[in-house]
Amino acid sequence: MDQGRESRWEKDAMTVEIMFALVTAGALAALVFGVLLVPAMAVGVSEPAGKGLLVVGAVLAGAAAVWRVVRVLLRFDARRRQGR
């Protein structure tokens, strides 16, 4: 077999890992966004504070999603390089 090319199994494993990273990143982003906004909605905040929480929630959710994708893919790459 050609040493420089990835096998079909390796490509499939990479695709599964990317999809796992994206799905879990979306779930984490929704969770972070919800944890920040649900209590604020339950208590009832003023208009400016509500908009501020919306922006902060979106930024934190986006950051959490990016962090999750990077973490999962770096861990996958480290395992792949070890031959696992």
C-alpha atoms as a PDB file:
ATOM      1  CA  MET A   1       0.000   0.000   0.000  1.00  0.00           C
ATOM      2  CA  ASP A   2       1.161   3.540  -0.689  1.00  0.00           C
ATOM      3  CA  GLN A   3       2.657   4.981   2.514  1.00  0.00           C
ATOM      4  CA  GLY A   4       1.843   8.608   1.648  1.00  0.00           C
ATOM      5  CA  ARG A   5      -1.888   8.215   1.185  1.00  0.00           C
ATOM      6  CA  GLU A   6      -4.653   7.816   3.698  1.00  0.00           C
ATOM      7  CA  SER A   7      -6.751   4.702   3.586  1.00  0.00           C
ATOM      8  CA  ARG A   8     -10.503   4.823   3.135  1.00  0.00           C
ATOM      9  CA  TRP A   9     -10.909   3.850   6.785  1.00  0.00           C
ATOM     10  CA  GLU A  10      -8.788   6.822   7.893  1.00  0.00           C
ATOM     11  CA  LYS A  11     -10.824   9.212   5.758  1.00  0.00           C
ATOM     12  CA  ASP A  12     -14.076   7.817   7.156  1.00  0.00           C
ATOM     13  CA  ALA A  13     -12.754   8.102  10.714  1.00  0.00           C
ATOM     14  CA  MET A  14     -11.788  11.715  10.053  1.00  0.00           C
ATOM     15  CA  THR A  15     -15.247  12.490   8.670  1.00  0.00           C
ATOM     16  CA  VAL A  16     -16.950  10.921  11.677  1.00  0.00           C
ATOM     17  CA  GLU A  17     -14.695  12.870  14.042  1.00  0.00           C
ATOM     18  CA  ILE A  18     -15.408  16.161  12.266  1.00  0.00           C
ATOM     19  CA  MET A  19     -19.155  15.538  12.430  1.00  0.00           C
ATOM     20  CA  PHE A  20     -18.873  14.600  16.108  1.00  0.00           C
ATOM     21  CA  ALA A  21     -16.959  17.819  16.772  1.00  0.00           C
ATOM     22  CA  LEU A  22     -19.554  19.940  14.978  1.00  0.00           C
ATOM     23  CA  VAL A  23     -22.579  18.305  16.600  1.00  0.00           C
ATOM     24  CA  THR A  24     -21.147  18.480  20.105  1.00  0.00           C
ATOM     25  CA  ALA A  25     -20.015  22.072  19.484  1.00  0.00           C
ATOM     26  CA  GLY A  26     -23.564  23.002  18.496  1.00  0.00           C
ATOM     27  CA  ALA A  27     -24.969  21.317  21.595  1.00  0.00           C
ATOM     28  CA  LEU A  28     -22.416  23.042  23.824  1.00  0.00           C
ATOM     29  CA  ALA A  29     -23.150  26.424  22.240  1.00  0.00           C
ATOM     30  CA  ALA A  30     -26.890  25.956  22.791  1.00  0.00           C
ATOM     31  CA  LEU A  31     -26.270  24.943  26.386  1.00  0.00           C
ATOM     32  CA  VAL A  32     -24.037  27.953  27.106  1.00  0.00           C
ATOM     33  CA  PHE A  33     -26.517  30.301  25.437  1.00  0.00           C
ATOM     34  CA  GLY A  34     -29.422  28.781  27.355  1.00  0.00           C
ATOM     35  CA  VAL A  35     -27.653  28.827  30.719  1.00  0.00           C
ATOM     36  CA  LEU A  36     -27.044  32.524  30.309  1.00  0.00           C
ATOM     37  CA  LEU A  37     -30.411  33.601  28.917  1.00  0.00           C
ATOM     38  CA  VAL A  38     -33.012  31.367  30.580  1.00  0.00           C
ATOM     39  CA  PRO A  39     -32.439  32.748  34.101  1.00  0.00           C
ATOM     40  CA  ALA A  40     -32.440  36.291  32.723  1.00  0.00           C
ATOM     41  CA  MET A  41     -35.748  35.670  30.972  1.00  0.00           C
ATOM     42  CA  ALA A  42     -37.233  34.062  34.071  1.00  0.00           C
ATOM     43  CA  VAL A  43     -36.309  37.035  36.237  1.00  0.00           C
ATOM     44  CA  GLY A  44     -37.195  39.577  33.582  1.00  0.00           C
ATOM     45  CA  VAL A  45     -34.487  42.057  32.713  1.00  0.00           C
ATOM     46  CA  SER A  46     -34.741  45.491  31.154  1.00  0.00           C
ATOM     47  CA  GLU A  47     -34.339  46.059  27.420  1.00  0.00           C
ATOM     48  CA  PRO A  48     -30.682  47.213  27.423  1.00  0.00           C
ATOM     49  CA  ALA A  49     -29.624  44.468  29.826  1.00  0.00           C
ATOM     50  CA  GLY A  50     -31.484  41.886  27.735  1.00  0.00           C
ATOM     51  CA  LYS A  51     -29.688  42.957  24.577  1.00  0.00           C
ATOM     52  CA  GLY A  52     -26.375  42.924  26.408  1.00  0.00           C
ATOM     53  CA  LEU A  53     -27.032  39.406  27.670  1.00  0.00           C
ATOM     54  CA  LEU A  54     -27.985  38.344  24.168  1.00  0.00           C
ATOM     55  CA  VAL A  55     -24.672  39.616  22.778  1.00  0.00           C
ATOM     56  CA  VAL A  56     -22.635  38.141  25.638  1.00  0.00           C
ATOM     57  CA  GLY A  57     -24.482  34.828  25.276  1.00  0.00           C
ATOM     58  CA  ALA A  58     -23.839  34.705  21.546  1.00  0.00           C
ATOM     59  CA  VAL A  59     -20.139  35.514  21.960  1.00  0.00           C
ATOM     60  CA  LEU A  60     -19.666  32.953  24.739  1.00  0.00           C
ATOM     61  CA  ALA A  61     -21.617  30.320  22.808  1.00  0.00           C
ATOM     62  CA  GLY A  62     -19.503  30.918  19.703  1.00  0.00           C
ATOM     63  CA  ALA A  63     -16.286  30.768  21.702  1.00  0.00           C
ATOM     64  CA  ALA A  64     -17.387  27.544  23.397  1.00  0.00           C
ATOM     65  CA  ALA A  65     -18.260  25.992  20.034  1.00  0.00           C
ATOM     66  CA  VAL A  66     -14.902  26.895  18.503  1.00  0.00           C
ATOM     67  CA  TRP A  67     -13.088  25.624  21.608  1.00  0.00           C
ATOM     68  CA  ARG A  68     -14.956  22.303  21.389  1.00  0.00           C
ATOM     69  CA  VAL A  69     -14.203  21.774  17.694  1.00  0.00           C
ATOM     70  CA  VAL A  70     -10.513  22.582  18.155  1.00  0.00           C
ATOM     71  CA  ARG A  71     -10.234  20.373  21.236  1.00  0.00           C
ATOM     72  CA  VAL A  72     -11.886  17.356  19.620  1.00  0.00           C
ATOM     73  CA  LEU A  73      -9.909  17.616  16.394  1.00  0.00           C
ATOM     74  CA  LEU A  74      -6.565  18.138  18.136  1.00  0.00           C
ATOM     75  CA  ARG A  75      -7.234  15.127  20.359  1.00  0.00           C
ATOM     76  CA  PHE A  76      -8.157  13.057  17.298  1.00  0.00           C
ATOM     77  CA  ASP A  77      -4.975  14.135  15.513  1.00  0.00           C
ATOM     78  CA  ALA A  78      -2.835  13.277  18.543  1.00  0.00           C
ATOM     79  CA  ARG A  79      -4.400   9.794  18.726  1.00  0.00           C
ATOM     80  CA  ARG A  80      -3.967   9.325  14.981  1.00  0.00           C
ATOM     81  CA  ARG A  81      -0.290  10.247  15.156  1.00  0.00           C
ATOM     82  CA  GLN A  82       0.218   7.709  17.963  1.00  0.00           C
ATOM     83  CA  GLY A  83      -1.252   5.038  15.728  1.00  0.00           C
ATOM     84  CA  ARG A  84      -4.410   4.386  17.720  1.00  0.00           C
END
